[in-house]
């Protein structure tokens, strides 16, 4: 039986649409790429629909899934819903997930010599605070369910992962936190690309440890 939407559900639908448009308008996603989800209080999820443009989301048509992952109402959910489910399964503390094809993050995911255990060095304090270590998930064809297994293997230890030749998947305590972390990741990816070959000075392991202790992500 489908549960009637609550006031909070409707508010979250509006919030997804607002953040989606902001990400789209600033060029952090394009066309119908990217997807957003939010965990609901009853264990279900709201997710952006398949083939939907984040810049033109209709809150009423955002997909709702049950706690078991069954589609309940709204348009059909993103075909990458399994990515979100894999992250949530390992991160019960996370309340939202953002997946984009943001240009600079994707560019980093295509580099042949990137550190697959930590794709971007700790260049700034806010990157450490909001993203932390960023592992690279090997390339899979979009929509391949085995990609969910690859993400699940990393999500318990990392709030963000980078899909090779694809883009980032970022979890946060709230939708706001997930969006901010995704934005921080994209800007740091841009910095990383600008500084390649310049031997930049990153934060020391001691500085990183202090930030992680003082500013836990989730």
C-alpha atoms as a PDB file:
ATOM      1  CA  UNK A   1       0.000   0.000   0.000  1.00  0.00           C
ATOM      2  CA  UNK A   2       1.404   3.381  -1.019  1.00  0.00           C
ATOM      3  CA  UNK A   3       1.815   5.798   1.866  1.00  0.00           C
ATOM      4  CA  UNK A   4       0.354   9.254   1.403  1.00  0.00           C
ATOM      5  CA  UNK A   5       3.122  11.873   1.089  1.00  0.00           C
ATOM      6  CA  UNK A   6       3.805  13.886   4.227  1.00  0.00           C
ATOM      7  CA  UNK A   7       4.558  17.581   4.474  1.00  0.00           C
ATOM      8  CA  UNK A   8       8.230  16.690   4.993  1.00  0.00           C
ATOM      9  CA  UNK A   9       8.220  14.497   1.868  1.00  0.00           C
ATOM     10  CA  UNK A  10       6.865  17.383  -0.174  1.00  0.00           C
ATOM     11  CA  UNK A  11       9.404  19.783   1.304  1.00  0.00           C
ATOM     12  CA  UNK A  12      12.225  17.381   0.363  1.00  0.00           C
ATOM     13  CA  UNK A  13      10.866  17.091  -3.185  1.00  0.00           C
ATOM     14  CA  UNK A  14      11.017  20.881  -3.473  1.00  0.00           C
ATOM     15  CA  UNK A  15      14.531  20.900  -2.035  1.00  0.00           C
ATOM     16  CA  UNK A  16      15.726  18.312  -4.564  1.00  0.00           C
ATOM     17  CA  UNK A  17      14.339  20.434  -7.400  1.00  0.00           C
ATOM     18  CA  UNK A  18      15.968  23.618  -6.071  1.00  0.00           C
ATOM     19  CA  UNK A  19      19.395  22.042  -5.649  1.00  0.00           C
ATOM     20  CA  UNK A  20      19.093  20.219  -8.958  1.00  0.00           C
ATOM     21  CA  UNK A  21      18.420  23.459 -10.804  1.00  0.00           C
ATOM     22  CA  UNK A  22      21.303  25.185  -9.019  1.00  0.00           C
ATOM     23  CA  UNK A  23      23.738  22.426 -10.019  1.00  0.00           C
ATOM     24  CA  UNK A  24      22.480  22.480 -13.601  1.00  0.00           C
ATOM     25  CA  UNK A  25      22.501  26.268 -13.965  1.00  0.00           C
ATOM     26  CA  UNK A  26      26.146  26.402 -12.850  1.00  0.00           C
ATOM     27  CA  UNK A  27      27.234  23.761 -15.337  1.00  0.00           C
ATOM     28  CA  UNK A  28      27.933  21.014 -12.783  1.00  0.00           C
ATOM     29  CA  UNK A  29      25.704  18.643 -14.723  1.00  0.00           C
ATOM     30  CA  UNK A  30      24.254  18.766 -18.204  1.00  0.00           C
ATOM     31  CA  UNK A  31      21.454  17.305 -20.293  1.00  0.00           C
ATOM     32  CA  UNK A  32      19.775  14.467 -18.431  1.00  0.00           C
ATOM     33  CA  UNK A  33      22.954  13.418 -16.631  1.00  0.00           C
ATOM     34  CA  UNK A  34      23.276  13.143 -12.875  1.00  0.00           C
ATOM     35  CA  UNK A  35      20.849  12.084 -10.172  1.00  0.00           C
ATOM     36  CA  UNK A  36      19.953  12.925  -6.580  1.00  0.00           C
ATOM     37  CA  UNK A  37      18.358  10.915  -3.774  1.00  0.00           C
ATOM     38  CA  UNK A  38      17.240  11.555  -0.201  1.00  0.00           C
ATOM     39  CA  UNK A  39      16.522   9.014   2.539  1.00  0.00           C
ATOM     40  CA  UNK A  40      13.078   9.327   4.149  1.00  0.00           C
ATOM     41  CA  UNK A  41      12.195   8.879   7.802  1.00  0.00           C
ATOM     42  CA  UNK A  42      10.345   5.596   7.134  1.00  0.00           C
ATOM     43  CA  UNK A  43      13.373   4.083   5.383  1.00  0.00           C
ATOM     44  CA  UNK A  44      12.205   4.810   1.837  1.00  0.00           C
ATOM     45  CA  UNK A  45      13.812   7.170  -0.679  1.00  0.00           C
ATOM     46  CA  UNK A  46      13.071  10.021  -3.029  1.00  0.00           C
ATOM     47  CA  UNK A  47      15.089   9.873  -6.280  1.00  0.00           C
ATOM     48  CA  UNK A  48      15.232  11.925  -9.410  1.00  0.00           C
ATOM     49  CA  UNK A  49      13.562  10.148 -12.362  1.00  0.00           C
ATOM     50  CA  UNK A  50      15.314   8.435 -15.237  1.00  0.00           C
ATOM     51  CA  UNK A  51      16.221  10.686 -18.177  1.00  0.00           C
ATOM     52  CA  UNK A  52      15.270  13.766 -16.149  1.00  0.00           C
ATOM     53  CA  UNK A  53      17.151  17.059 -16.448  1.00  0.00           C
ATOM     54  CA  UNK A  54      18.195  18.274 -12.997  1.00  0.00           C
ATOM     55  CA  UNK A  55      17.552  21.816 -14.175  1.00  0.00           C
ATOM     56  CA  UNK A  56      13.871  21.160 -14.895  1.00  0.00           C
ATOM     57  CA  UNK A  57      12.624  18.820 -12.182  1.00  0.00           C
ATOM     58  CA  UNK A  58       8.924  18.730 -11.332  1.00  0.00           C
ATOM     59  CA  UNK A  59       8.778  18.010  -7.571  1.00  0.00           C
ATOM     60  CA  UNK A  60       5.536  16.062  -7.937  1.00  0.00           C
ATOM     61  CA  UNK A  61       7.120  13.686 -10.458  1.00  0.00           C
ATOM     62  CA  UNK A  62      10.210  12.832  -8.379  1.00  0.00           C
ATOM     63  CA  UNK A  63      10.283   9.070  -7.758  1.00  0.00           C
ATOM     64  CA  UNK A  64       9.449   7.557  -4.402  1.00  0.00           C
ATOM     65  CA  UNK A  65      10.821   4.137  -3.430  1.00  0.00           C
ATOM     66  CA  UNK A  66       9.855   1.991  -0.470  1.00  0.00           C
ATOM     67  CA  UNK A  67      12.304   0.830   2.185  1.00  0.00           C
ATOM     68  CA  UNK A  68      12.646  -2.362   0.103  1.00  0.00           C
ATOM     69  CA  UNK A  69      13.561  -0.340  -2.987  1.00  0.00           C
ATOM     70  CA  UNK A  70      10.235  -0.808  -4.767  1.00  0.00           C
ATOM     71  CA  UNK A  71       9.028   2.056  -6.975  1.00  0.00           C
ATOM     72  CA  UNK A  72       5.876   3.512  -5.404  1.00  0.00           C
ATOM     73  CA  UNK A  73       4.981   6.764  -7.129  1.00  0.00           C
ATOM     74  CA  UNK A  74       6.267   9.600  -9.283  1.00  0.00           C
ATOM     75  CA  UNK A  75       8.069   8.894 -12.540  1.00  0.00           C
ATOM     76  CA  UNK A  76      10.268   5.814 -12.927  1.00  0.00           C
ATOM     77  CA  UNK A  77      13.468   6.298 -10.875  1.00  0.00           C
ATOM     78  CA  UNK A  78      16.927   6.821 -12.308  1.00  0.00           C
ATOM     79  CA  UNK A  79      18.437   3.728 -13.911  1.00  0.00           C
ATOM     80  CA  UNK A  80      21.400   4.293 -11.565  1.00  0.00           C
ATOM     81  CA  UNK A  81      19.261   3.860  -8.462  1.00  0.00           C
ATOM     82  CA  UNK A  82      21.361   0.790  -7.597  1.00  0.00           C
ATOM     83  CA  UNK A  83      24.359   3.118  -7.074  1.00  0.00           C
ATOM     84  CA  UNK A  84      22.443   5.036  -4.448  1.00  0.00           C
ATOM     85  CA  UNK A  85      21.143   1.858  -2.800  1.00  0.00           C
ATOM     86  CA  UNK A  86      24.664   0.442  -2.626  1.00  0.00           C
ATOM     87  CA  UNK A  87      25.961   3.572  -0.887  1.00  0.00           C
ATOM     88  CA  UNK A  88      23.043   3.733   1.550  1.00  0.00           C
ATOM     89  CA  UNK A  89      23.428   0.049   2.413  1.00  0.00           C
ATOM     90  CA  UNK A  90      26.941   0.720   3.728  1.00  0.00           C
ATOM     91  CA  UNK A  91      26.260   4.188   5.104  1.00  0.00           C
ATOM     92  CA  UNK A  92      23.185   4.139   7.398  1.00  0.00           C
ATOM     93  CA  UNK A  93      24.232   7.547   8.702  1.00  0.00           C
ATOM     94  CA  UNK A  94      23.927   9.193   5.275  1.00  0.00           C
ATOM     95  CA  UNK A  95      20.741  11.079   4.430  1.00  0.00           C
ATOM     96  CA  UNK A  96      21.336  12.007   0.786  1.00  0.00           C
ATOM     97  CA  UNK A  97      23.455  11.171  -2.253  1.00  0.00           C
ATOM     98  CA  UNK A  98      24.429  13.230  -5.296  1.00  0.00           C
ATOM     99  CA  UNK A  99      25.860  11.712  -8.480  1.00  0.00           C
ATOM    100  CA  UNK A 100      27.059  14.059 -11.240  1.00  0.00           C
ATOM    101  CA  UNK A 101      29.068  13.991 -14.462  1.00  0.00           C
ATOM    102  CA  UNK A 102      30.819  17.226 -13.479  1.00  0.00           C
ATOM    103  CA  UNK A 103      33.570  18.115 -15.956  1.00  0.00           C
ATOM    104  CA  UNK A 104      36.682  18.448 -13.793  1.00  0.00           C
ATOM    105  CA  UNK A 105      35.880  15.459 -11.597  1.00  0.00           C
ATOM    106  CA  UNK A 106      35.300  13.324 -14.691  1.00  0.00           C
ATOM    107  CA  UNK A 107      38.576  14.620 -16.158  1.00  0.00           C
ATOM    108  CA  UNK A 108      40.436  13.411 -13.067  1.00  0.00           C
ATOM    109  CA  UNK A 109      38.727  10.020 -13.384  1.00  0.00           C
ATOM    110  CA  UNK A 110      40.186   9.668 -16.903  1.00  0.00           C
ATOM    111  CA  UNK A 111      43.837  10.311 -15.952  1.00  0.00           C
ATOM    112  CA  UNK A 112      46.060   7.259 -16.494  1.00  0.00           C
ATOM    113  CA  UNK A 113      48.314   7.909 -13.501  1.00  0.00           C
ATOM    114  CA  UNK A 114      45.735   8.866 -10.870  1.00  0.00           C
ATOM    115  CA  UNK A 115      46.100   7.192  -7.462  1.00  0.00           C
ATOM    116  CA  UNK A 116      43.195   4.741  -7.421  1.00  0.00           C
ATOM    117  CA  UNK A 117      43.165   4.760  -3.607  1.00  0.00           C
ATOM    118  CA  UNK A 118      43.004   8.558  -3.318  1.00  0.00           C
ATOM    119  CA  UNK A 119      42.415  10.378  -6.612  1.00  0.00           C
ATOM    120  CA  UNK A 120      42.955  13.936  -5.389  1.00  0.00           C
ATOM    121  CA  UNK A 121      45.552  14.986  -2.795  1.00  0.00           C
ATOM    122  CA  UNK A 122      44.490  17.024   0.280  1.00  0.00           C
ATOM    123  CA  UNK A 123      45.032  20.452  -1.259  1.00  0.00           C
ATOM    124  CA  UNK A 124      42.645  22.404   0.984  1.00  0.00           C
ATOM    125  CA  UNK A 125      41.107  22.096   4.436  1.00  0.00           C
ATOM    126  CA  UNK A 126      37.550  22.174   3.102  1.00  0.00           C
ATOM    127  CA  UNK A 127      38.242  19.322   0.706  1.00  0.00           C
ATOM    128  CA  UNK A 128      39.428  17.188   3.620  1.00  0.00           C
ATOM    129  CA  UNK A 129      36.462  18.275   5.758  1.00  0.00           C
ATOM    130  CA  UNK A 130      33.791  17.605   3.123  1.00  0.00           C
ATOM    131  CA  UNK A 131      35.214  14.824   0.947  1.00  0.00           C
ATOM    132  CA  UNK A 132      38.257  13.137   2.503  1.00  0.00           C
ATOM    133  CA  UNK A 133      39.935  10.315   0.612  1.00  0.00           C
ATOM    134  CA  UNK A 134      38.446   9.683  -2.825  1.00  0.00           C
ATOM    135  CA  UNK A 135      38.938   6.155  -4.230  1.00  0.00           C
ATOM    136  CA  UNK A 136      38.527   5.343  -7.929  1.00  0.00           C
ATOM    137  CA  UNK A 137      35.990   2.696  -8.932  1.00  0.00           C
ATOM    138  CA  UNK A 138      37.078   0.783 -12.074  1.00  0.00           C
ATOM    139  CA  UNK A 139      35.135   1.474 -15.258  1.00  0.00           C
ATOM    140  CA  UNK A 140      31.773  -0.232 -15.769  1.00  0.00           C
ATOM    141  CA  UNK A 141      29.197   0.284 -18.493  1.00  0.00           C
ATOM    142  CA  UNK A 142      26.563   2.744 -17.174  1.00  0.00           C
ATOM    143  CA  UNK A 143      23.665   0.800 -15.729  1.00  0.00           C
ATOM    144  CA  UNK A 144      25.742  -2.341 -15.084  1.00  0.00           C
ATOM    145  CA  UNK A 145      24.480  -3.732 -11.740  1.00  0.00           C
ATOM    146  CA  UNK A 146      27.987  -4.982 -10.899  1.00  0.00           C
ATOM    147  CA  UNK A 147      28.967  -1.332 -10.476  1.00  0.00           C
ATOM    148  CA  UNK A 148      26.803  -1.338  -7.361  1.00  0.00           C
ATOM    149  CA  UNK A 149      28.915  -4.127  -5.893  1.00  0.00           C
ATOM    150  CA  UNK A 150      32.114  -2.204  -6.660  1.00  0.00           C
ATOM    151  CA  UNK A 151      30.724   0.902  -4.942  1.00  0.00           C
ATOM    152  CA  UNK A 152      29.461  -1.102  -1.973  1.00  0.00           C
ATOM    153  CA  UNK A 153      32.961  -2.394  -1.364  1.00  0.00           C
ATOM    154  CA  UNK A 154      34.233   1.150  -0.771  1.00  0.00           C
ATOM    155  CA  UNK A 155      31.247   3.050   0.620  1.00  0.00           C
ATOM    156  CA  UNK A 156      31.641   1.850   4.186  1.00  0.00           C
ATOM    157  CA  UNK A 157      34.955   3.682   4.514  1.00  0.00           C
ATOM    158  CA  UNK A 158      34.402   6.589   2.118  1.00  0.00           C
ATOM    159  CA  UNK A 159      31.621   9.177   1.819  1.00  0.00           C
ATOM    160  CA  UNK A 160      32.572   9.809  -1.821  1.00  0.00           C
ATOM    161  CA  UNK A 161      33.839   7.660  -4.681  1.00  0.00           C
ATOM    162  CA  UNK A 162      34.873   8.521  -8.226  1.00  0.00           C
ATOM    163  CA  UNK A 163      33.642   6.298 -11.044  1.00  0.00           C
ATOM    164  CA  UNK A 164      36.285   5.905 -13.748  1.00  0.00           C
ATOM    165  CA  UNK A 165      35.376   7.767 -16.958  1.00  0.00           C
ATOM    166  CA  UNK A 166      32.007   8.586 -15.411  1.00  0.00           C
ATOM    167  CA  UNK A 167      31.822  10.893 -12.371  1.00  0.00           C
ATOM    168  CA  UNK A 168      31.536  11.248  -8.582  1.00  0.00           C
ATOM    169  CA  UNK A 169      29.018   9.689  -6.184  1.00  0.00           C
ATOM    170  CA  UNK A 170      28.878  11.674  -2.936  1.00  0.00           C
ATOM    171  CA  UNK A 171      26.950  10.993   0.284  1.00  0.00           C
ATOM    172  CA  UNK A 172      26.165  13.421   3.112  1.00  0.00           C
ATOM    173  CA  UNK A 173      24.202  13.719   6.324  1.00  0.00           C
ATOM    174  CA  UNK A 174      21.667  15.835   4.467  1.00  0.00           C
ATOM    175  CA  UNK A 175      21.013  16.913   0.898  1.00  0.00           C
ATOM    176  CA  UNK A 176      22.657  20.237   1.633  1.00  0.00           C
ATOM    177  CA  UNK A 177      25.779  18.497   2.963  1.00  0.00           C
ATOM    178  CA  UNK A 178      25.944  16.142  -0.043  1.00  0.00           C
ATOM    179  CA  UNK A 179      25.601  19.048  -2.489  1.00  0.00           C
ATOM    180  CA  UNK A 180      28.261  21.109  -0.708  1.00  0.00           C
ATOM    181  CA  UNK A 181      30.649  18.149  -0.711  1.00  0.00           C
ATOM    182  CA  UNK A 182      30.034  17.555  -4.424  1.00  0.00           C
ATOM    183  CA  UNK A 183      30.731  21.214  -5.175  1.00  0.00           C
ATOM    184  CA  UNK A 184      33.909  21.104  -3.081  1.00  0.00           C
ATOM    185  CA  UNK A 185      35.031  17.983  -4.928  1.00  0.00           C
ATOM    186  CA  UNK A 186      34.502  19.617  -8.330  1.00  0.00           C
ATOM    187  CA  UNK A 187      36.396  22.781  -7.377  1.00  0.00           C
ATOM    188  CA  UNK A 188      39.275  20.768  -5.905  1.00  0.00           C
ATOM    189  CA  UNK A 189      39.405  18.610  -9.033  1.00  0.00           C
ATOM    190  CA  UNK A 190      39.769  21.841 -11.002  1.00  0.00           C
ATOM    191  CA  UNK A 191      42.604  22.965  -8.708  1.00  0.00           C
ATOM    192  CA  UNK A 192      44.279  19.587  -9.041  1.00  0.00           C
ATOM    193  CA  UNK A 193      44.233  19.788 -12.829  1.00  0.00           C
ATOM    194  CA  UNK A 194      45.522  23.378 -12.798  1.00  0.00           C
ATOM    195  CA  UNK A 195      48.402  22.407 -10.513  1.00  0.00           C
ATOM    196  CA  UNK A 196      49.501  19.203 -12.286  1.00  0.00           C
ATOM    197  CA  UNK A 197      53.223  19.363 -12.913  1.00  0.00           C
ATOM    198  CA  UNK A 198      53.701  22.200 -10.400  1.00  0.00           C
ATOM    199  CA  UNK A 199      54.513  20.008  -7.353  1.00  0.00           C
ATOM    200  CA  UNK A 200      51.853  21.726  -5.196  1.00  0.00           C
ATOM    201  CA  UNK A 201      52.109  21.899  -1.416  1.00  0.00           C
ATOM    202  CA  UNK A 202      49.277  19.864   0.078  1.00  0.00           C
ATOM    203  CA  UNK A 203      48.266  19.445   3.697  1.00  0.00           C
ATOM    204  CA  UNK A 204      50.482  17.222   5.845  1.00  0.00           C
ATOM    205  CA  UNK A 205      49.178  13.939   7.284  1.00  0.00           C
ATOM    206  CA  UNK A 206      49.094  15.605  10.703  1.00  0.00           C
ATOM    207  CA  UNK A 207      47.003  18.500   9.379  1.00  0.00           C
ATOM    208  CA  UNK A 208      44.628  16.067   7.675  1.00  0.00           C
ATOM    209  CA  UNK A 209      44.249  14.015  10.875  1.00  0.00           C
ATOM    210  CA  UNK A 210      43.437  17.153  12.884  1.00  0.00           C
ATOM    211  CA  UNK A 211      40.733  18.185  10.408  1.00  0.00           C
ATOM    212  CA  UNK A 212      39.189  14.718  10.343  1.00  0.00           C
ATOM    213  CA  UNK A 213      39.061  14.630  14.134  1.00  0.00           C
ATOM    214  CA  UNK A 214      37.534  18.097  14.470  1.00  0.00           C
ATOM    215  CA  UNK A 215      35.130  17.974  11.516  1.00  0.00           C
ATOM    216  CA  UNK A 216      33.657  14.469  11.029  1.00  0.00           C
ATOM    217  CA  UNK A 217      31.633  14.271   7.799  1.00  0.00           C
ATOM    218  CA  UNK A 218      28.907  11.846   8.898  1.00  0.00           C
END
